[in-house]
Amino acid sequence: AKQFAIALKLSEDEERDMISINLARILIQTGKYEEAV
C-alpha cells in the first residue's frame, strides 16, 4: 500500500487510474473499505 500510495502521488493522468485500482485492491485486503470506495 505504501508503494502504491507513493506511485499515486508521483503519477501523471494516464497512470493514475491503474495505480488507484491497485491501491484500492490492497485497501480491500486490509479492511479499509471506505477508502477503497
PDB file of all heavy atoms in Angstrom:
ATOM      1  N   ALA A   1       0.837  -1.214   0.000  1.00  0.00           N
ATOM      2  CA  ALA A   1       0.000   0.000   0.000  1.00  0.00           C
ATOM      3  C   ALA A   1       0.870   1.261   0.000  1.00  0.00           C
ATOM      4  O   ALA A   1       0.560   2.250  -0.686  1.00  0.00           O
ATOM      5  CB  ALA A   1      -0.924  -0.003   1.209  1.00  0.00           C
ATOM      6  N   LYS A   2       1.982   1.226   0.749  1.00  0.00           N
ATOM      7  CA  LYS A   2       2.887   2.388   0.777  1.00  0.00           C
ATOM      8  C   LYS A   2       3.490   2.651  -0.603  1.00  0.00           C
ATOM      9  O   LYS A   2       3.582   3.800  -1.050  1.00  0.00           O
ATOM     10  CB  LYS A   2       4.009   2.152   1.792  1.00  0.00           C
ATOM     11  CG  LYS A   2       3.559   2.228   3.250  1.00  0.00           C
ATOM     12  CD  LYS A   2       4.714   1.921   4.191  1.00  0.00           C
ATOM     13  CE  LYS A   2       4.241   1.892   5.642  1.00  0.00           C
ATOM     14  NZ  LYS A   2       5.322   1.478   6.567  1.00  0.00           N
ATOM     15  N   GLN A   3       3.892   1.580  -1.287  1.00  0.00           N
ATOM     16  CA  GLN A   3       4.483   1.736  -2.618  1.00  0.00           C
ATOM     17  C   GLN A   3       3.465   2.308  -3.604  1.00  0.00           C
ATOM     18  O   GLN A   3       3.770   3.208  -4.384  1.00  0.00           O
ATOM     19  CB  GLN A   3       5.021   0.397  -3.133  1.00  0.00           C
ATOM     20  CG  GLN A   3       6.144  -0.198  -2.306  1.00  0.00           C
ATOM     21  CD  GLN A   3       7.384   0.670  -2.305  1.00  0.00           C
ATOM     22  OE1 GLN A   3       7.489   1.613  -1.535  1.00  0.00           O
ATOM     23  NE2 GLN A   3       8.327   0.373  -3.172  1.00  0.00           N
ATOM     24  N   PHE A   4       2.234   1.767  -3.562  1.00  0.00           N
ATOM     25  CA  PHE A   4       1.194   2.272  -4.463  1.00  0.00           C
ATOM     26  C   PHE A   4       0.852   3.729  -4.144  1.00  0.00           C
ATOM     27  O   PHE A   4       0.599   4.528  -5.047  1.00  0.00           O
ATOM     28  CB  PHE A   4      -0.067   1.408  -4.362  1.00  0.00           C
ATOM     29  CG  PHE A   4       0.052   0.060  -5.018  1.00  0.00           C
ATOM     30  CD1 PHE A   4      -0.384  -1.088  -4.374  1.00  0.00           C
ATOM     31  CD2 PHE A   4       0.583  -0.064  -6.285  1.00  0.00           C
ATOM     32  CE1 PHE A   4      -0.295  -2.332  -4.972  1.00  0.00           C
ATOM     33  CE2 PHE A   4       0.695  -1.308  -6.903  1.00  0.00           C
ATOM     34  CZ  PHE A   4       0.249  -2.436  -6.245  1.00  0.00           C
ATOM     35  N   ALA A   5       0.830   4.070  -2.856  1.00  0.00           N
ATOM     36  CA  ALA A   5       0.496   5.448  -2.450  1.00  0.00           C
ATOM     37  C   ALA A   5       1.554   6.434  -2.963  1.00  0.00           C
ATOM     38  O   ALA A   5       1.220   7.519  -3.460  1.00  0.00           O
ATOM     39  CB  ALA A   5       0.374   5.529  -0.935  1.00  0.00           C
ATOM     40  N   ILE A   6       2.841   6.058  -2.864  1.00  0.00           N
ATOM     41  CA  ILE A   6       3.914   6.929  -3.376  1.00  0.00           C
ATOM     42  C   ILE A   6       3.792   7.061  -4.900  1.00  0.00           C
ATOM     43  O   ILE A   6       3.912   8.156  -5.463  1.00  0.00           O
ATOM     44  CB  ILE A   6       5.304   6.364  -2.996  1.00  0.00           C
ATOM     45  CG1 ILE A   6       5.477   6.340  -1.475  1.00  0.00           C
ATOM     46  CG2 ILE A   6       6.415   7.190  -3.641  1.00  0.00           C
ATOM     47  CD1 ILE A   6       6.683   5.546  -1.006  1.00  0.00           C
ATOM     48  N   ALA A   7       3.541   5.922  -5.568  1.00  0.00           N
ATOM     49  CA  ALA A   7       3.383   5.949  -7.036  1.00  0.00           C
ATOM     50  C   ALA A   7       2.215   6.844  -7.442  1.00  0.00           C
ATOM     51  O   ALA A   7       2.299   7.584  -8.431  1.00  0.00           O
ATOM     52  CB  ALA A   7       3.169   4.528  -7.558  1.00  0.00           C
ATOM     53  N   LEU A   8       1.133   6.789  -6.668  1.00  0.00           N
ATOM     54  CA  LEU A   8      -0.048   7.601  -6.987  1.00  0.00           C
ATOM     55  C   LEU A   8       0.259   9.098  -6.876  1.00  0.00           C
ATOM     56  O   LEU A   8      -0.183   9.905  -7.701  1.00  0.00           O
ATOM     57  CB  LEU A   8      -1.196   7.220  -6.041  1.00  0.00           C
ATOM     58  CG  LEU A   8      -2.593   7.728  -6.406  1.00  0.00           C
ATOM     59  CD1 LEU A   8      -3.014   7.219  -7.777  1.00  0.00           C
ATOM     60  CD2 LEU A   8      -3.603   7.307  -5.353  1.00  0.00           C
ATOM     61  N   LYS A   9       1.046   9.478  -5.881  1.00  0.00           N
ATOM     62  CA  LYS A   9       1.414  10.893  -5.714  1.00  0.00           C
ATOM     63  C   LYS A   9       2.275  11.382  -6.875  1.00  0.00           C
ATOM     64  O   LYS A   9       2.177  12.541  -7.288  1.00  0.00           O
ATOM     65  CB  LYS A   9       2.189  11.086  -4.405  1.00  0.00           C
ATOM     66  CG  LYS A   9       1.319  11.037  -3.154  1.00  0.00           C
ATOM     67  CD  LYS A   9       2.170  11.240  -1.910  1.00  0.00           C
ATOM     68  CE  LYS A   9       1.325  11.110  -0.646  1.00  0.00           C
ATOM     69  NZ  LYS A   9       2.154  11.222   0.579  1.00  0.00           N
ATOM     70  N   LEU A  10       3.130  10.499  -7.394  1.00  0.00           N
ATOM     71  CA  LEU A  10       4.062  10.896  -8.457  1.00  0.00           C
ATOM     72  C   LEU A  10       3.486  10.727  -9.856  1.00  0.00           C
ATOM     73  O   LEU A  10       4.078  11.195 -10.832  1.00  0.00           O
ATOM     74  CB  LEU A  10       5.342  10.056  -8.362  1.00  0.00           C
ATOM     75  CG  LEU A  10       6.159  10.197  -7.075  1.00  0.00           C
ATOM     76  CD1 LEU A  10       7.246   9.129  -7.032  1.00  0.00           C
ATOM     77  CD2 LEU A  10       6.781  11.584  -6.983  1.00  0.00           C
ATOM     78  N   SER A  11       2.344  10.068  -9.977  1.00  0.00           N
ATOM     79  CA  SER A  11       1.845   9.651 -11.288  1.00  0.00           C
ATOM     80  C   SER A  11       1.212  10.797 -12.069  1.00  0.00           C
ATOM     81  O   SER A  11       0.712  11.763 -11.495  1.00  0.00           O
ATOM     82  CB  SER A  11       0.827   8.520 -11.128  1.00  0.00           C
ATOM     83  OG  SER A  11      -0.288   8.973 -10.382  1.00  0.00           O
ATOM     84  N   GLU A  12       1.232  10.631 -13.382  1.00  0.00           N
ATOM     85  CA  GLU A  12       0.534  11.541 -14.291  1.00  0.00           C
ATOM     86  C   GLU A  12      -0.878  11.005 -14.529  1.00  0.00           C
ATOM     87  O   GLU A  12      -1.236   9.930 -14.061  1.00  0.00           O
ATOM     88  CB  GLU A  12       1.288  11.636 -15.624  1.00  0.00           C
ATOM     89  CG  GLU A  12       2.731  12.091 -15.492  1.00  0.00           C
ATOM     90  CD  GLU A  12       2.844  13.551 -15.065  1.00  0.00           C
ATOM     91  OE1 GLU A  12       1.880  14.308 -15.287  1.00  0.00           O
ATOM     92  OE2 GLU A  12       3.898  13.921 -14.496  1.00  0.00           O
ATOM     93  N   ASP A  13      -1.666  11.743 -15.312  1.00  0.00           N
ATOM     94  CA  ASP A  13      -3.071  11.370 -15.531  1.00  0.00           C
ATOM     95  C   ASP A  13      -3.221   9.978 -16.124  1.00  0.00           C
ATOM     96  O   ASP A  13      -4.095   9.212 -15.737  1.00  0.00           O
ATOM     97  CB  ASP A  13      -3.746  12.399 -16.458  1.00  0.00           C
ATOM     98  CG  ASP A  13      -3.983  13.719 -15.726  1.00  0.00           C
ATOM     99  OD1 ASP A  13      -3.957  13.705 -14.479  1.00  0.00           O
ATOM    100  OD2 ASP A  13      -4.175  14.745 -16.395  1.00  0.00           O
ATOM    101  N   GLU A  14      -2.356   9.626 -17.086  1.00  0.00           N
ATOM    102  CA  GLU A  14      -2.512   8.362 -17.801  1.00  0.00           C
ATOM    103  C   GLU A  14      -2.240   7.146 -16.920  1.00  0.00           C
ATOM    104  O   GLU A  14      -2.688   6.041 -17.217  1.00  0.00           O
ATOM    105  CB  GLU A  14      -1.586   8.336 -19.016  1.00  0.00           C
ATOM    106  CG  GLU A  14      -0.111   8.465 -18.657  1.00  0.00           C
ATOM    107  CD  GLU A  14       0.765   8.737 -19.876  1.00  0.00           C
ATOM    108  OE1 GLU A  14       0.295   9.391 -20.815  1.00  0.00           O
ATOM    109  OE2 GLU A  14       1.920   8.296 -19.849  1.00  0.00           O
ATOM    110  N   GLU A  15      -1.505   7.330 -15.821  1.00  0.00           N
ATOM    111  CA  GLU A  15      -1.180   6.193 -14.945  1.00  0.00           C
ATOM    112  C   GLU A  15      -2.064   6.140 -13.700  1.00  0.00           C
ATOM    113  O   GLU A  15      -2.130   5.108 -13.033  1.00  0.00           O
ATOM    114  CB  GLU A  15       0.285   6.292 -14.487  1.00  0.00           C
ATOM    115  CG  GLU A  15       1.289   6.354 -15.614  1.00  0.00           C
ATOM    116  CD  GLU A  15       2.345   7.430 -15.384  1.00  0.00           C
ATOM    117  OE1 GLU A  15       2.322   8.060 -14.310  1.00  0.00           O
ATOM    118  OE2 GLU A  15       3.158   7.658 -16.285  1.00  0.00           O
ATOM    119  N   ARG A  16      -2.726   7.240 -13.374  1.00  0.00           N
ATOM    120  CA  ARG A  16      -3.427   7.338 -12.087  1.00  0.00           C
ATOM    121  C   ARG A  16      -4.516   6.281 -11.920  1.00  0.00           C
ATOM    122  O   ARG A  16      -4.677   5.712 -10.835  1.00  0.00           O
ATOM    123  CB  ARG A  16      -4.029   8.731 -11.911  1.00  0.00           C
ATOM    124  CG  ARG A  16      -3.003   9.822 -11.673  1.00  0.00           C
ATOM    125  CD  ARG A  16      -3.678  11.133 -11.311  1.00  0.00           C
ATOM    126  NE  ARG A  16      -4.254  11.068  -9.972  1.00  0.00           N
ATOM    127  CZ  ARG A  16      -3.578  11.239  -8.852  1.00  0.00           C
ATOM    128  NH1 ARG A  16      -2.267  11.482  -8.897  1.00  0.00           N
ATOM    129  NH2 ARG A  16      -4.169  11.185  -7.688  1.00  0.00           N
ATOM    130  N   ASP A  17      -5.273   6.034 -12.986  1.00  0.00           N
ATOM    131  CA  ASP A  17      -6.377   5.074 -12.880  1.00  0.00           C
ATOM    132  C   ASP A  17      -5.874   3.685 -12.517  1.00  0.00           C
ATOM    133  O   ASP A  17      -6.410   3.025 -11.613  1.00  0.00           O
ATOM    134  CB  ASP A  17      -7.154   5.012 -14.199  1.00  0.00           C
ATOM    135  CG  ASP A  17      -8.017   6.253 -14.414  1.00  0.00           C
ATOM    136  OD1 ASP A  17      -8.080   7.096 -13.496  1.00  0.00           O
ATOM    137  OD2 ASP A  17      -8.621   6.379 -15.491  1.00  0.00           O
ATOM    138  N   MET A  18      -4.817   3.238 -13.219  1.00  0.00           N
ATOM    139  CA  MET A  18      -4.260   1.908 -12.968  1.00  0.00           C
ATOM    140  C   MET A  18      -3.763   1.775 -11.524  1.00  0.00           C
ATOM    141  O   MET A  18      -4.071   0.796 -10.827  1.00  0.00           O
ATOM    142  CB  MET A  18      -3.110   1.652 -13.942  1.00  0.00           C
ATOM    143  CG  MET A  18      -2.274   0.426 -13.659  1.00  0.00           C
ATOM    144  SD  MET A  18      -0.822   0.325 -14.722  1.00  0.00           S
ATOM    145  CE  MET A  18       0.183   1.674 -14.100  1.00  0.00           C
ATOM    146  N   ILE A  19      -3.006   2.777 -11.063  1.00  0.00           N
ATOM    147  CA  ILE A  19      -2.438   2.706  -9.712  1.00  0.00           C
ATOM    148  C   ILE A  19      -3.535   2.828  -8.655  1.00  0.00           C
ATOM    149  O   ILE A  19      -3.483   2.176  -7.609  1.00  0.00           O
ATOM    150  CB  ILE A  19      -1.362   3.795  -9.534  1.00  0.00           C
ATOM    151  CG1 ILE A  19      -0.225   3.565 -10.539  1.00  0.00           C
ATOM    152  CG2 ILE A  19      -0.799   3.787  -8.116  1.00  0.00           C
ATOM    153  CD1 ILE A  19       0.736   4.728 -10.667  1.00  0.00           C
ATOM    154  N   SER A  20      -4.559   3.653  -8.925  1.00  0.00           N
ATOM    155  CA  SER A  20      -5.677   3.800  -7.981  1.00  0.00           C
ATOM    156  C   SER A  20      -6.372   2.463  -7.750  1.00  0.00           C
ATOM    157  O   SER A  20      -6.697   2.110  -6.610  1.00  0.00           O
ATOM    158  CB  SER A  20      -6.692   4.818  -8.515  1.00  0.00           C
ATOM    159  OG  SER A  20      -6.130   6.105  -8.576  1.00  0.00           O
ATOM    160  N   ILE A  21      -6.583   1.715  -8.827  1.00  0.00           N
ATOM    161  CA  ILE A  21      -7.249   0.410  -8.699  1.00  0.00           C
ATOM    162  C   ILE A  21      -6.365  -0.572  -7.925  1.00  0.00           C
ATOM    163  O   ILE A  21      -6.839  -1.336  -7.076  1.00  0.00           O
ATOM    164  CB  ILE A  21      -7.613  -0.151 -10.091  1.00  0.00           C
ATOM    165  CG1 ILE A  21      -8.688   0.724 -10.740  1.00  0.00           C
ATOM    166  CG2 ILE A  21      -8.090  -1.581 -10.003  1.00  0.00           C
ATOM    167  CD1 ILE A  21      -9.953   0.858  -9.939  1.00  0.00           C
ATOM    168  N   ASN A  22      -5.051  -0.543  -8.197  1.00  0.00           N
ATOM    169  CA  ASN A  22      -4.141  -1.434  -7.459  1.00  0.00           C
ATOM    170  C   ASN A  22      -4.155  -1.119  -5.965  1.00  0.00           C
ATOM    171  O   ASN A  22      -4.194  -2.023  -5.125  1.00  0.00           O
ATOM    172  CB  ASN A  22      -2.715  -1.292  -8.006  1.00  0.00           C
ATOM    173  CG  ASN A  22      -2.550  -1.945  -9.364  1.00  0.00           C
ATOM    174  OD1 ASN A  22      -3.337  -2.797  -9.744  1.00  0.00           O
ATOM    175  ND2 ASN A  22      -1.552  -1.532 -10.109  1.00  0.00           N
ATOM    176  N   LEU A  23      -4.134   0.179  -5.631  1.00  0.00           N
ATOM    177  CA  LEU A  23      -4.166   0.577  -4.222  1.00  0.00           C
ATOM    178  C   LEU A  23      -5.510   0.219  -3.596  1.00  0.00           C
ATOM    179  O   LEU A  23      -5.564  -0.242  -2.445  1.00  0.00           O
ATOM    180  CB  LEU A  23      -3.898   2.082  -4.102  1.00  0.00           C
ATOM    181  CG  LEU A  23      -3.899   2.670  -2.684  1.00  0.00           C
ATOM    182  CD1 LEU A  23      -2.940   1.918  -1.766  1.00  0.00           C
ATOM    183  CD2 LEU A  23      -3.540   4.160  -2.715  1.00  0.00           C
ATOM    184  N   ALA A  24      -6.598   0.407  -4.336  1.00  0.00           N
ATOM    185  CA  ALA A  24      -7.931   0.056  -3.819  1.00  0.00           C
ATOM    186  C   ALA A  24      -8.012  -1.433  -3.489  1.00  0.00           C
ATOM    187  O   ALA A  24      -8.597  -1.831  -2.468  1.00  0.00           O
ATOM    188  CB  ALA A  24      -9.002   0.426  -4.841  1.00  0.00           C
ATOM    189  N   ARG A  25      -7.408  -2.264  -4.331  1.00  0.00           N
ATOM    190  CA  ARG A  25      -7.436  -3.714  -4.094  1.00  0.00           C
ATOM    191  C   ARG A  25      -6.718  -4.068  -2.792  1.00  0.00           C
ATOM    192  O   ARG A  25      -7.158  -4.928  -2.028  1.00  0.00           O
ATOM    193  CB  ARG A  25      -6.797  -4.429  -5.280  1.00  0.00           C
ATOM    194  CG  ARG A  25      -6.948  -5.930  -5.252  1.00  0.00           C
ATOM    195  CD  ARG A  25      -6.483  -6.578  -6.531  1.00  0.00           C
ATOM    196  NE  ARG A  25      -5.083  -6.294  -6.814  1.00  0.00           N
ATOM    197  CZ  ARG A  25      -4.656  -5.496  -7.767  1.00  0.00           C
ATOM    198  NH1 ARG A  25      -5.502  -4.857  -8.549  1.00  0.00           N
ATOM    199  NH2 ARG A  25      -3.365  -5.302  -7.973  1.00  0.00           N
ATOM    200  N   ILE A  26      -5.605  -3.370  -2.509  1.00  0.00           N
ATOM    201  CA  ILE A  26      -4.881  -3.594  -1.255  1.00  0.00           C
ATOM    202  C   ILE A  26      -5.706  -3.116  -0.062  1.00  0.00           C
ATOM    203  O   ILE A  26      -5.756  -3.773   0.982  1.00  0.00           O
ATOM    204  CB  ILE A  26      -3.525  -2.853  -1.285  1.00  0.00           C
ATOM    205  CG1 ILE A  26      -2.633  -3.406  -2.402  1.00  0.00           C
ATOM    206  CG2 ILE A  26      -2.810  -2.966   0.062  1.00  0.00           C
ATOM    207  CD1 ILE A  26      -2.203  -4.828  -2.218  1.00  0.00           C
ATOM    208  N   LEU A  27      -6.360  -1.968  -0.205  1.00  0.00           N
ATOM    209  CA  LEU A  27      -7.180  -1.435   0.890  1.00  0.00           C
ATOM    210  C   LEU A  27      -8.341  -2.375   1.215  1.00  0.00           C
ATOM    211  O   LEU A  27      -8.728  -2.509   2.381  1.00  0.00           O
ATOM    212  CB  LEU A  27      -7.704  -0.040   0.519  1.00  0.00           C
ATOM    213  CG  LEU A  27      -6.637   1.055   0.397  1.00  0.00           C
ATOM    214  CD1 LEU A  27      -7.244   2.347  -0.125  1.00  0.00           C
ATOM    215  CD2 LEU A  27      -5.941   1.295   1.732  1.00  0.00           C
ATOM    216  N   ILE A  28      -8.873  -3.035   0.196  1.00  0.00           N
ATOM    217  CA  ILE A  28      -9.921  -4.038   0.439  1.00  0.00           C
ATOM    218  C   ILE A  28      -9.353  -5.177   1.279  1.00  0.00           C
ATOM    219  O   ILE A  28      -9.988  -5.662   2.223  1.00  0.00           O
ATOM    220  CB  ILE A  28     -10.494  -4.563  -0.894  1.00  0.00           C
ATOM    221  CG1 ILE A  28     -11.295  -3.462  -1.605  1.00  0.00           C
ATOM    222  CG2 ILE A  28     -11.389  -5.777  -0.661  1.00  0.00           C
ATOM    223  CD1 ILE A  28     -11.693  -3.805  -3.035  1.00  0.00           C
ATOM    224  N   GLN A  29      -8.128  -5.595   0.957  1.00  0.00           N
ATOM    225  CA  GLN A  29      -7.490  -6.696   1.697  1.00  0.00           C
ATOM    226  C   GLN A  29      -7.235  -6.321   3.155  1.00  0.00           C
ATOM    227  O   GLN A  29      -7.283  -7.169   4.039  1.00  0.00           O
ATOM    228  CB  GLN A  29      -6.155  -7.076   1.040  1.00  0.00           C
ATOM    229  CG  GLN A  29      -6.290  -7.744  -0.313  1.00  0.00           C
ATOM    230  CD  GLN A  29      -6.735  -9.182  -0.211  1.00  0.00           C
ATOM    231  OE1 GLN A  29      -6.848  -9.741   0.863  1.00  0.00           O
ATOM    232  NE2 GLN A  29      -7.026  -9.794  -1.354  1.00  0.00           N
ATOM    233  N   THR A  30      -6.956  -5.032   3.399  1.00  0.00           N
ATOM    234  CA  THR A  30      -6.630  -4.602   4.762  1.00  0.00           C
ATOM    235  C   THR A  30      -7.841  -4.056   5.514  1.00  0.00           C
ATOM    236  O   THR A  30      -7.696  -3.513   6.611  1.00  0.00           O
ATOM    237  CB  THR A  30      -5.519  -3.531   4.734  1.00  0.00           C
ATOM    238  OG1 THR A  30      -5.912  -2.457   3.867  1.00  0.00           O
ATOM    239  CG2 THR A  30      -4.208  -4.125   4.230  1.00  0.00           C
ATOM    240  N   GLY A  31      -9.029  -4.180   4.920  1.00  0.00           N
ATOM    241  CA  GLY A  31     -10.252  -3.789   5.622  1.00  0.00           C
ATOM    242  C   GLY A  31     -10.595  -2.313   5.576  1.00  0.00           C
ATOM    243  O   GLY A  31     -11.509  -1.861   6.272  1.00  0.00           O
ATOM    244  N   LYS A  32      -9.900  -1.536   4.743  1.00  0.00           N
ATOM    245  CA  LYS A  32     -10.190  -0.094   4.632  1.00  0.00           C
ATOM    246  C   LYS A  32     -11.134   0.131   3.445  1.00  0.00           C
ATOM    247  O   LYS A  32     -10.769   0.671   2.408  1.00  0.00           O
ATOM    248  CB  LYS A  32      -8.885   0.687   4.461  1.00  0.00           C
ATOM    249  CG  LYS A  32      -7.953   0.533   5.668  1.00  0.00           C
ATOM    250  CD  LYS A  32      -6.615   1.208   5.431  1.00  0.00           C
ATOM    251  CE  LYS A  32      -5.687   1.005   6.629  1.00  0.00           C
ATOM    252  NZ  LYS A  32      -4.335   1.553   6.403  1.00  0.00           N
ATOM    253  N   TYR A  33     -12.384  -0.298   3.648  1.00  0.00           N
ATOM    254  CA  TYR A  33     -13.326  -0.357   2.540  1.00  0.00           C
ATOM    255  C   TYR A  33     -13.771   1.020   2.054  1.00  0.00           C
ATOM    256  O   TYR A  33     -13.907   1.244   0.851  1.00  0.00           O
ATOM    257  CB  TYR A  33     -14.542  -1.199   2.937  1.00  0.00           C
ATOM    258  CG  TYR A  33     -14.175  -2.563   3.464  1.00  0.00           C
ATOM    259  CD1 TYR A  33     -14.654  -3.026   4.689  1.00  0.00           C
ATOM    260  CD2 TYR A  33     -13.317  -3.396   2.736  1.00  0.00           C
ATOM    261  CE1 TYR A  33     -14.310  -4.276   5.177  1.00  0.00           C
ATOM    262  CE2 TYR A  33     -12.961  -4.652   3.220  1.00  0.00           C
ATOM    263  CZ  TYR A  33     -13.459  -5.084   4.448  1.00  0.00           C
ATOM    264  OH  TYR A  33     -13.107  -6.320   4.921  1.00  0.00           O
ATOM    265  N   GLU A  34     -14.005   1.951   2.971  1.00  0.00           N
ATOM    266  CA  GLU A  34     -14.462   3.288   2.584  1.00  0.00           C
ATOM    267  C   GLU A  34     -13.400   4.007   1.749  1.00  0.00           C
ATOM    268  O   GLU A  34     -13.717   4.692   0.773  1.00  0.00           O
ATOM    269  CB  GLU A  34     -14.815   4.121   3.827  1.00  0.00           C
ATOM    270  CG  GLU A  34     -15.949   3.553   4.673  1.00  0.00           C
ATOM    271  CD  GLU A  34     -17.282   3.556   3.936  1.00  0.00           C
ATOM    272  OE1 GLU A  34     -17.405   4.303   2.936  1.00  0.00           O
ATOM    273  OE2 GLU A  34     -18.198   2.815   4.341  1.00  0.00           O
ATOM    274  N   GLU A  35     -12.130   3.840   2.144  1.00  0.00           N
ATOM    275  CA  GLU A  35     -11.040   4.448   1.370  1.00  0.00           C
ATOM    276  C   GLU A  35     -10.956   3.826  -0.027  1.00  0.00           C
ATOM    277  O   GLU A  35     -10.690   4.521  -1.013  1.00  0.00           O
ATOM    278  CB  GLU A  35      -9.714   4.267   2.100  1.00  0.00           C
ATOM    279  CG  GLU A  35      -9.601   5.064   3.393  1.00  0.00           C
ATOM    280  CD  GLU A  35      -8.269   4.815   4.103  1.00  0.00           C
ATOM    281  OE1 GLU A  35      -7.243   4.715   3.395  1.00  0.00           O
ATOM    282  OE2 GLU A  35      -8.261   4.730   5.344  1.00  0.00           O
ATOM    283  N   ALA A  36     -11.192   2.506  -0.089  1.00  0.00           N
ATOM    284  CA  ALA A  36     -11.169   1.823  -1.391  1.00  0.00           C
ATOM    285  C   ALA A  36     -12.292   2.338  -2.290  1.00  0.00           C
ATOM    286  O   ALA A  36     -12.087   2.567  -3.492  1.00  0.00           O
ATOM    287  CB  ALA A  36     -11.308   0.314  -1.184  1.00  0.00           C
ATOM    288  N   VAL A  37     -13.475   2.558  -1.712  1.00  0.00           N
ATOM    289  CA  VAL A  37     -14.607   3.100  -2.478  1.00  0.00           C
ATOM    290  C   VAL A  37     -14.253   4.473  -3.034  1.00  0.00           C
ATOM    291  O   VAL A  37     -14.476   4.770  -4.217  1.00  0.00           O
ATOM    292  CB  VAL A  37     -15.875   3.184  -1.593  1.00  0.00           C
ATOM    293  CG1 VAL A  37     -16.976   3.957  -2.309  1.00  0.00           C
ATOM    294  CG2 VAL A  37     -16.368   1.787  -1.227  1.00  0.00           C
TER     295      VAL A  37
END
